[in-house]
């Protein structure tokens, strides 16, 4: 069986270094808010080209805390609106509604699957305070257009970079393309921890300080609480392992791009729609489309190839947001009914890649 993603094999590459990093943390006797987290924050900020990085517990918290900080700073208020793609993973939307704000869904481009800038301004109202572009599947959004719109309407730009670690837009990496950015280090991400983790990056010092305090019980100084905060911190063990894996991220991205290019050049099946790439992609996922998704997925599984669907149900059809269930988002719904993710990782062999291409090309 060719697995969709084999985390054991991926992390085995760095086994000795990971064990050494964990041992260092164990022997230090310091497990929360220590030197490893501080060092990772500095290294990841430099990697992204941002001034600040704040380690948090997970990617959802990263986005939630950005918005919460803007509320504490008086920039956003309850019931304000945030524009977000209609085909994103639910976490993007949860971060908005968790802050008692209104998510405003905007359709993606049918070819790139990314937030369509041409559809944004028609959804802007006097209550709109931010745009949340999602760099879905590892490809960066059209940030020049989005930032121009944001500037024209005095809106904040909050990047959801959970799937795009290291991706460039022109000469800048994601995490440095808007006012703030939220990253996830869920184990399956391109930069994955061996547990949960997340980070916020920004160039705004006040925002960074506010987020750091909010994630530490609302405290900037022990036993002094200036906000009603939460506990959301990147622990020392995960930070130490992320420091190891960050050193190899660009190398792994090169391998992902080689695999993606092989797929793009060699998959030739009229039943398959291949991804359209207009900006840089780090290929967190390689997503094809077909109206015969169930048949193709079963066929691939019968041929010992595991695939996944990202994502089978669009946000407007989720029970959690039943107020949207009767609304139509045609592009998003079409994508969610057709997308299928092929295996792609830095540890895939050429033999596996060739088999996947051959089997897909034989699908009728």
Protein backbone atom coordinates (compact mmCIF):
# COMPACT_ATOMS: atom_id res chain seq x y z
CA UNK A 1 0.00 0.00 0.00
CA UNK A 2 1.23 3.49 -0.88
CA UNK A 3 0.06 5.52 2.13
CA UNK A 4 -1.28 9.01 1.74
CA UNK A 5 1.20 10.21 4.34
CA UNK A 6 3.61 8.16 6.47
CA UNK A 7 4.57 10.33 9.44
CA UNK A 8 6.68 7.55 10.95
CA UNK A 9 8.92 7.47 7.88
CA UNK A 10 9.04 11.26 7.60
CA UNK A 11 10.16 11.72 11.21
CA UNK A 12 12.51 8.73 11.11
CA UNK A 13 14.78 10.81 8.86
CA UNK A 14 15.60 13.00 11.84
CA UNK A 15 15.23 10.41 14.61
CA UNK A 16 18.61 10.92 16.27
CA UNK A 17 18.39 14.71 16.16
CA UNK A 18 14.85 14.64 17.53
CA UNK A 19 15.87 12.35 20.38
CA UNK A 20 18.82 14.62 21.14
CA UNK A 21 16.52 17.67 21.15
CA UNK A 22 14.03 15.97 23.48
CA UNK A 23 16.80 14.80 25.81
CA UNK A 24 18.09 18.36 26.03
CA UNK A 25 14.65 19.56 27.10
CA UNK A 26 14.21 16.74 29.64
CA UNK A 27 17.60 17.43 31.17
CA UNK A 28 16.96 21.16 31.34
CA UNK A 29 14.09 20.78 33.79
CA UNK A 30 12.28 23.66 32.05
CA UNK A 31 9.25 22.61 29.97
CA UNK A 32 7.11 25.71 29.35
CA UNK A 33 8.22 29.13 28.04
CA UNK A 34 11.91 28.33 28.09
CA UNK A 35 14.88 28.75 25.80
CA UNK A 36 13.72 26.28 23.13
CA UNK A 37 10.48 28.14 22.48
CA UNK A 38 12.25 31.49 22.46
CA UNK A 39 14.87 30.18 20.03
CA UNK A 40 12.25 28.66 17.75
CA UNK A 41 10.26 31.89 17.71
CA UNK A 42 13.36 33.80 16.65
CA UNK A 43 14.31 31.24 14.00
CA UNK A 44 10.81 30.96 12.56
CA UNK A 45 10.36 34.73 12.44
CA UNK A 46 13.64 35.00 10.53
CA UNK A 47 12.57 32.15 8.22
CA UNK A 48 9.35 34.01 7.35
CA UNK A 49 11.03 37.41 7.16
CA UNK A 50 8.84 38.75 9.97
CA UNK A 51 9.92 40.70 13.04
CA UNK A 52 8.00 38.63 15.58
CA UNK A 53 6.78 35.07 16.07
CA UNK A 54 4.71 33.98 19.06
CA UNK A 55 4.38 30.26 19.78
CA UNK A 56 0.87 29.07 20.63
CA UNK A 57 -0.85 25.74 21.24
CA UNK A 58 -2.20 25.13 17.72
CA UNK A 59 -3.15 26.74 14.42
CA UNK A 60 -6.73 27.53 15.40
CA UNK A 61 -5.50 29.39 18.47
CA UNK A 62 -3.07 31.32 16.28
CA UNK A 63 -5.88 32.77 14.17
CA UNK A 64 -8.24 33.19 17.12
CA UNK A 65 -5.65 35.09 19.14
CA UNK A 66 -4.84 37.46 16.27
CA UNK A 67 -8.46 38.53 16.08
CA UNK A 68 -8.83 38.63 19.85
CA UNK A 69 -5.77 40.89 20.07
CA UNK A 70 -7.22 43.28 17.52
CA UNK A 71 -10.34 43.45 19.68
CA UNK A 72 -8.31 44.23 22.79
CA UNK A 73 -6.48 46.93 20.79
CA UNK A 74 -9.81 48.52 19.82
CA UNK A 75 -9.40 47.83 16.10
CA UNK A 76 -12.16 45.22 15.84
CA UNK A 77 -15.41 45.01 17.83
CA UNK A 78 -18.08 42.39 18.45
CA UNK A 79 -20.32 41.74 15.43
CA UNK A 80 -17.82 43.16 12.94
CA UNK A 81 -17.26 41.17 9.74
CA UNK A 82 -14.28 39.26 8.40
CA UNK A 83 -14.07 38.12 4.77
CA UNK A 84 -12.95 34.50 4.41
CA UNK A 85 -12.98 31.95 1.53
CA UNK A 86 -16.10 29.80 1.26
CA UNK A 87 -14.02 26.65 0.59
CA UNK A 88 -11.55 26.80 3.46
CA UNK A 89 -11.08 24.31 6.29
CA UNK A 90 -13.52 25.07 9.08
CA UNK A 91 -10.79 26.33 11.46
CA UNK A 92 -10.47 29.59 9.52
CA UNK A 93 -14.15 30.30 10.11
CA UNK A 94 -14.17 29.06 13.69
CA UNK A 95 -11.53 31.63 14.62
CA UNK A 96 -13.88 34.38 13.46
CA UNK A 97 -17.10 33.19 15.07
CA UNK A 98 -15.26 32.30 18.31
CA UNK A 99 -14.51 36.03 18.63
CA UNK A 100 -18.20 36.92 18.22
CA UNK A 101 -17.56 38.26 14.72
CA UNK A 102 -19.39 37.50 11.49
CA UNK A 103 -17.64 35.36 8.84
CA UNK A 104 -18.51 36.60 5.34
CA UNK A 105 -17.94 33.84 2.80
CA UNK A 106 -16.44 34.76 -0.57
CA UNK A 107 -16.13 32.27 -3.41
CA UNK A 108 -12.74 31.03 -4.63
CA UNK A 109 -11.29 31.05 -8.12
CA UNK A 110 -12.47 27.83 -9.77
CA UNK A 111 -8.99 27.12 -11.15
CA UNK A 112 -6.68 27.96 -8.24
CA UNK A 113 -9.13 27.16 -5.39
CA UNK A 114 -7.94 30.37 -3.68
CA UNK A 115 -9.91 33.42 -2.53
CA UNK A 116 -10.93 35.36 -5.65
CA UNK A 117 -9.91 39.02 -5.24
CA UNK A 118 -12.43 40.11 -7.87
CA UNK A 119 -15.28 38.96 -5.60
CA UNK A 120 -14.13 40.65 -2.39
CA UNK A 121 -15.25 44.26 -2.72
CA UNK A 122 -18.88 43.41 -3.41
CA UNK A 123 -18.99 41.80 0.06
CA UNK A 124 -17.39 44.72 1.94
CA UNK A 125 -19.72 46.70 4.22
CA UNK A 126 -19.28 49.32 6.93
CA UNK A 127 -18.87 46.41 9.39
CA UNK A 128 -16.00 44.75 7.49
CA UNK A 129 -12.76 44.99 9.42
CA UNK A 130 -10.48 42.29 7.99
CA UNK A 131 -9.78 39.89 5.13
CA UNK A 132 -8.50 36.39 5.86
CA UNK A 133 -6.83 34.95 2.74
CA UNK A 134 -6.14 31.23 3.09
CA UNK A 135 -3.06 29.91 1.29
CA UNK A 136 -4.88 26.66 0.60
CA UNK A 137 -3.02 23.45 -0.29
CA UNK A 138 0.32 25.32 -0.11
CA UNK A 139 -0.17 27.97 -2.81
CA UNK A 140 -0.11 31.66 -1.90
CA UNK A 141 -3.09 33.88 -2.66
CA UNK A 142 -2.90 36.89 -4.98
CA UNK A 143 -1.68 39.14 -2.20
CA UNK A 144 -0.97 42.30 -4.20
CA UNK A 145 -4.63 42.55 -5.17
CA UNK A 146 -5.86 41.59 -1.71
CA UNK A 147 -3.58 44.06 0.05
CA UNK A 148 -4.60 46.83 -2.37
CA UNK A 149 -8.27 46.21 -1.57
CA UNK A 150 -7.51 46.09 2.16
CA UNK A 151 -5.61 49.37 2.04
CA UNK A 152 -8.40 51.05 0.07
CA UNK A 153 -10.95 50.07 2.72
CA UNK A 154 -8.68 50.30 5.78
CA UNK A 155 -8.92 46.58 6.54
CA UNK A 156 -6.53 44.24 8.33
CA UNK A 157 -5.14 41.26 6.39
CA UNK A 158 -4.84 38.09 8.46
CA UNK A 159 -3.11 35.28 6.57
CA UNK A 160 -4.15 31.70 7.26
CA UNK A 161 -0.79 30.07 6.54
CA UNK A 162 -1.58 26.69 8.10
CA UNK A 163 -0.82 24.88 4.84
CA UNK A 164 1.88 27.07 3.34
CA UNK A 165 5.03 27.04 5.48
CA UNK A 166 7.83 28.54 3.40
CA UNK A 167 5.78 29.47 0.33
CA UNK A 168 6.77 32.64 -1.49
CA UNK A 169 4.66 35.37 -3.01
CA UNK A 170 7.09 37.22 -5.27
CA UNK A 171 10.11 37.89 -2.99
CA UNK A 172 8.39 37.40 0.38
CA UNK A 173 7.33 34.30 2.24
CA UNK A 174 3.86 33.80 3.64
CA UNK A 175 3.78 34.92 7.22
CA UNK A 176 5.05 38.28 6.02
CA UNK A 177 2.42 39.13 3.41
CA UNK A 178 -0.22 40.81 5.55
CA UNK A 179 -0.66 42.33 9.01
CA UNK A 180 -0.42 38.99 10.81
CA UNK A 181 -0.37 35.31 10.01
CA UNK A 182 -1.41 32.11 11.76
CA UNK A 183 0.51 28.84 11.29
CA UNK A 184 -0.33 25.30 12.34
CA UNK A 185 2.29 22.67 13.20
CA UNK A 186 -0.16 19.77 13.24
CA UNK A 187 1.91 16.61 12.55
CA UNK A 188 0.78 16.29 8.92
CA UNK A 189 1.80 19.84 7.94
CA UNK A 190 4.91 20.53 5.85
CA UNK A 191 6.50 21.69 9.09
CA UNK A 192 4.86 19.32 11.53
CA UNK A 193 5.41 18.85 15.23
CA UNK A 194 5.06 15.49 16.99
CA UNK A 195 1.92 16.80 18.61
CA UNK A 196 0.01 20.06 18.33
CA UNK A 197 1.52 23.50 17.96
CA UNK A 198 1.12 26.82 16.22
CA UNK A 199 2.65 30.25 15.77
CA UNK A 200 1.63 33.80 14.93
CA UNK A 201 3.96 35.99 12.87
CA UNK A 202 3.69 39.75 12.51
CA UNK A 203 5.70 42.95 12.14
CA UNK A 204 3.44 44.79 14.59
CA UNK A 205 5.11 45.03 18.01
CA UNK A 206 1.93 45.97 19.90
CA UNK A 207 0.01 43.11 18.31
CA UNK A 208 2.80 40.65 19.15
CA UNK A 209 2.90 41.74 22.81
CA UNK A 210 -0.89 41.55 23.09
CA UNK A 211 -1.04 38.04 21.60
CA UNK A 212 1.77 36.81 23.84
CA UNK A 213 -0.06 38.08 26.92
CA UNK A 214 -3.44 36.74 25.81
CA UNK A 215 -2.00 33.25 25.30
CA UNK A 216 -0.45 33.35 28.76
CA UNK A 217 -3.62 33.80 30.82
CA UNK A 218 -3.75 37.45 29.79
CA UNK A 219 -0.54 38.09 31.67
CA UNK A 220 2.52 40.04 30.57
CA UNK A 221 4.06 39.65 34.03
CA UNK A 222 3.58 36.73 36.41
CA UNK A 223 0.47 37.10 38.59
CA UNK A 224 -0.52 40.33 36.85
CA UNK A 225 -3.35 39.87 34.36
CA UNK A 226 -4.21 42.72 32.03
CA UNK A 227 -6.60 40.63 29.87
CA UNK A 228 -9.01 37.77 30.43
CA UNK A 229 -6.70 35.47 28.53
CA UNK A 230 -6.36 31.77 27.81
CA UNK A 231 -3.63 29.15 28.11
CA UNK A 232 -2.19 28.71 24.61
CA UNK A 233 1.56 28.21 24.57
CA UNK A 234 3.99 26.23 22.42
CA UNK A 235 5.71 23.86 24.84
CA UNK A 236 9.45 23.34 25.01
CA UNK A 237 9.41 19.77 23.68
CA UNK A 238 7.51 20.65 20.51
CA UNK A 239 9.58 23.80 20.01
CA UNK A 240 12.79 21.78 20.26
CA UNK A 241 11.62 19.26 17.67
CA UNK A 242 10.34 22.00 15.37
CA UNK A 243 13.76 23.63 15.49
CA UNK A 244 15.24 20.40 14.14
CA UNK A 245 12.67 20.04 11.38
CA UNK A 246 12.79 23.70 10.37
CA UNK A 247 16.40 23.21 9.28
CA UNK A 248 15.24 20.70 6.66
CA UNK A 249 12.01 22.36 5.52
CA UNK A 250 13.36 24.00 2.37
CA UNK A 251 15.01 20.73 1.34
CA UNK A 252 11.73 18.86 1.81
CA UNK A 253 9.90 21.54 -0.17
CA UNK A 254 12.22 20.95 -3.14
CA UNK A 255 11.30 17.24 -3.06
CA UNK A 256 7.58 18.05 -2.89
CA UNK A 257 7.93 20.35 -5.90
CA UNK A 258 9.74 17.65 -7.87
CA UNK A 259 6.93 15.20 -7.15
CA UNK A 260 4.26 17.74 -8.05
CA UNK A 261 6.01 18.60 -11.31
CA UNK A 262 6.18 14.92 -12.21
CA UNK A 263 2.45 14.59 -11.59
CA UNK A 264 1.70 17.72 -13.64
CA UNK A 265 3.85 16.60 -16.55
CA UNK A 266 2.80 12.97 -16.66
CA UNK A 267 -0.81 12.59 -15.51
CA UNK A 268 -2.77 12.53 -18.73
CA UNK A 269 -6.38 11.55 -18.26
CA UNK A 270 -9.32 13.50 -19.68
CA UNK A 271 -11.34 12.63 -16.58
CA UNK A 272 -8.88 14.45 -14.33
CA UNK A 273 -8.49 18.21 -13.73
CA UNK A 274 -4.97 19.01 -12.55
CA UNK A 275 -4.11 21.94 -10.24
CA UNK A 276 -3.55 25.38 -11.76
CA UNK A 277 -0.58 27.15 -10.18
CA UNK A 278 -0.26 30.93 -10.55
CA UNK A 279 1.98 31.71 -7.55
CA UNK A 280 4.51 29.71 -5.56
CA UNK A 281 3.29 26.48 -3.96
CA UNK A 282 4.99 24.33 -1.36
CA UNK A 283 2.53 21.55 -2.22
CA UNK A 284 1.11 20.75 1.18
CA UNK A 285 -1.47 18.86 -0.85
CA UNK A 286 -1.65 17.81 -4.50
CA UNK A 287 -5.35 18.12 -5.26
CA UNK A 288 -6.95 16.88 -8.46
CA UNK A 289 -10.60 17.12 -9.45
CA UNK A 290 -12.96 14.70 -11.09
CA UNK A 291 -16.72 14.21 -11.36
CA UNK A 292 -16.01 10.51 -10.77
CA UNK A 293 -14.35 11.00 -7.40
CA UNK A 294 -15.86 8.03 -5.55
CA UNK A 295 -15.09 5.68 -8.42
CA UNK A 296 -11.53 6.98 -8.76
CA UNK A 297 -10.83 6.83 -5.04
CA UNK A 298 -12.05 3.22 -4.85
CA UNK A 299 -10.09 2.32 -7.97
CA UNK A 300 -6.90 3.77 -6.50
CA UNK A 301 -7.45 1.98 -3.20
CA UNK A 302 -8.01 -1.28 -5.07
CA UNK A 303 -4.61 -0.62 -6.60
CA UNK A 304 -3.04 -0.06 -3.16
CA UNK A 305 -2.93 3.76 -3.37
CA UNK A 306 -4.43 5.70 -0.47
CA UNK A 307 -6.01 9.10 -1.12
CA UNK A 308 -7.91 11.60 1.04
CA UNK A 309 -10.59 14.23 0.42
CA UNK A 310 -9.79 17.80 1.54
CA UNK A 311 -12.63 18.52 2.23
CA UNK A 312 -15.83 16.54 1.58
CA UNK A 313 -18.28 19.07 3.03
CA UNK A 314 -18.12 22.86 2.44
CA UNK A 315 -18.50 25.22 5.42
CA UNK A 316 -21.96 26.37 4.31
CA UNK A 317 -23.25 22.79 4.59
CA UNK A 318 -21.89 22.14 8.09
CA UNK A 319 -24.39 21.73 10.95
CA UNK A 320 -22.25 24.09 13.04
CA UNK A 321 -23.28 26.89 10.66
CA UNK A 322 -26.84 25.86 9.94
CA UNK A 323 -27.76 29.47 9.14
CA UNK A 324 -25.83 28.98 5.86
CA UNK A 325 -27.23 25.56 4.96
CA UNK A 326 -29.76 26.95 2.47
CA UNK A 327 -27.34 29.40 0.87
CA UNK A 328 -25.68 28.52 -2.42
CA UNK A 329 -21.95 28.81 -3.01
CA UNK A 330 -21.78 27.08 -6.36
CA UNK A 331 -18.02 27.16 -6.94
CA UNK A 332 -17.19 26.04 -3.44
CA UNK A 333 -19.76 23.26 -3.50
CA UNK A 334 -18.49 22.04 -6.87
CA UNK A 335 -14.92 21.93 -5.60
CA UNK A 336 -15.87 20.09 -2.42
CA UNK A 337 -17.72 17.47 -4.46
CA UNK A 338 -14.81 16.83 -6.85
CA UNK A 339 -11.47 17.29 -5.05
CA UNK A 340 -9.20 14.35 -4.29
CA UNK A 341 -5.74 14.58 -2.73
CA UNK A 342 -2.96 12.33 -4.02
CA UNK A 343 -0.02 11.18 -1.89
CA UNK A 344 2.82 13.71 -1.79
CA UNK A 345 5.66 13.92 0.69
CA UNK A 346 9.42 14.33 0.88
CA UNK A 347 9.85 10.60 1.47
CA UNK A 348 7.96 9.27 -1.55
CA UNK A 349 10.02 7.10 -3.86
CA UNK A 350 10.15 7.57 -7.62
CA UNK A 351 8.75 4.07 -7.99
CA UNK A 352 5.69 5.04 -5.94
CA UNK A 353 5.21 8.27 -7.88
CA UNK A 354 5.42 6.47 -11.23
CA UNK A 355 2.91 3.85 -10.09
CA UNK A 356 0.42 6.52 -9.02
CA UNK A 357 0.71 8.23 -12.42
CA UNK A 358 0.39 4.97 -14.32
CA UNK A 359 -2.67 3.80 -12.39
CA UNK A 360 -4.41 7.18 -12.78
CA UNK A 361 -3.71 7.29 -16.48
CA UNK A 362 -5.32 3.86 -16.86
CA UNK A 363 -8.52 4.98 -15.08
CA UNK A 364 -11.57 5.07 -17.35
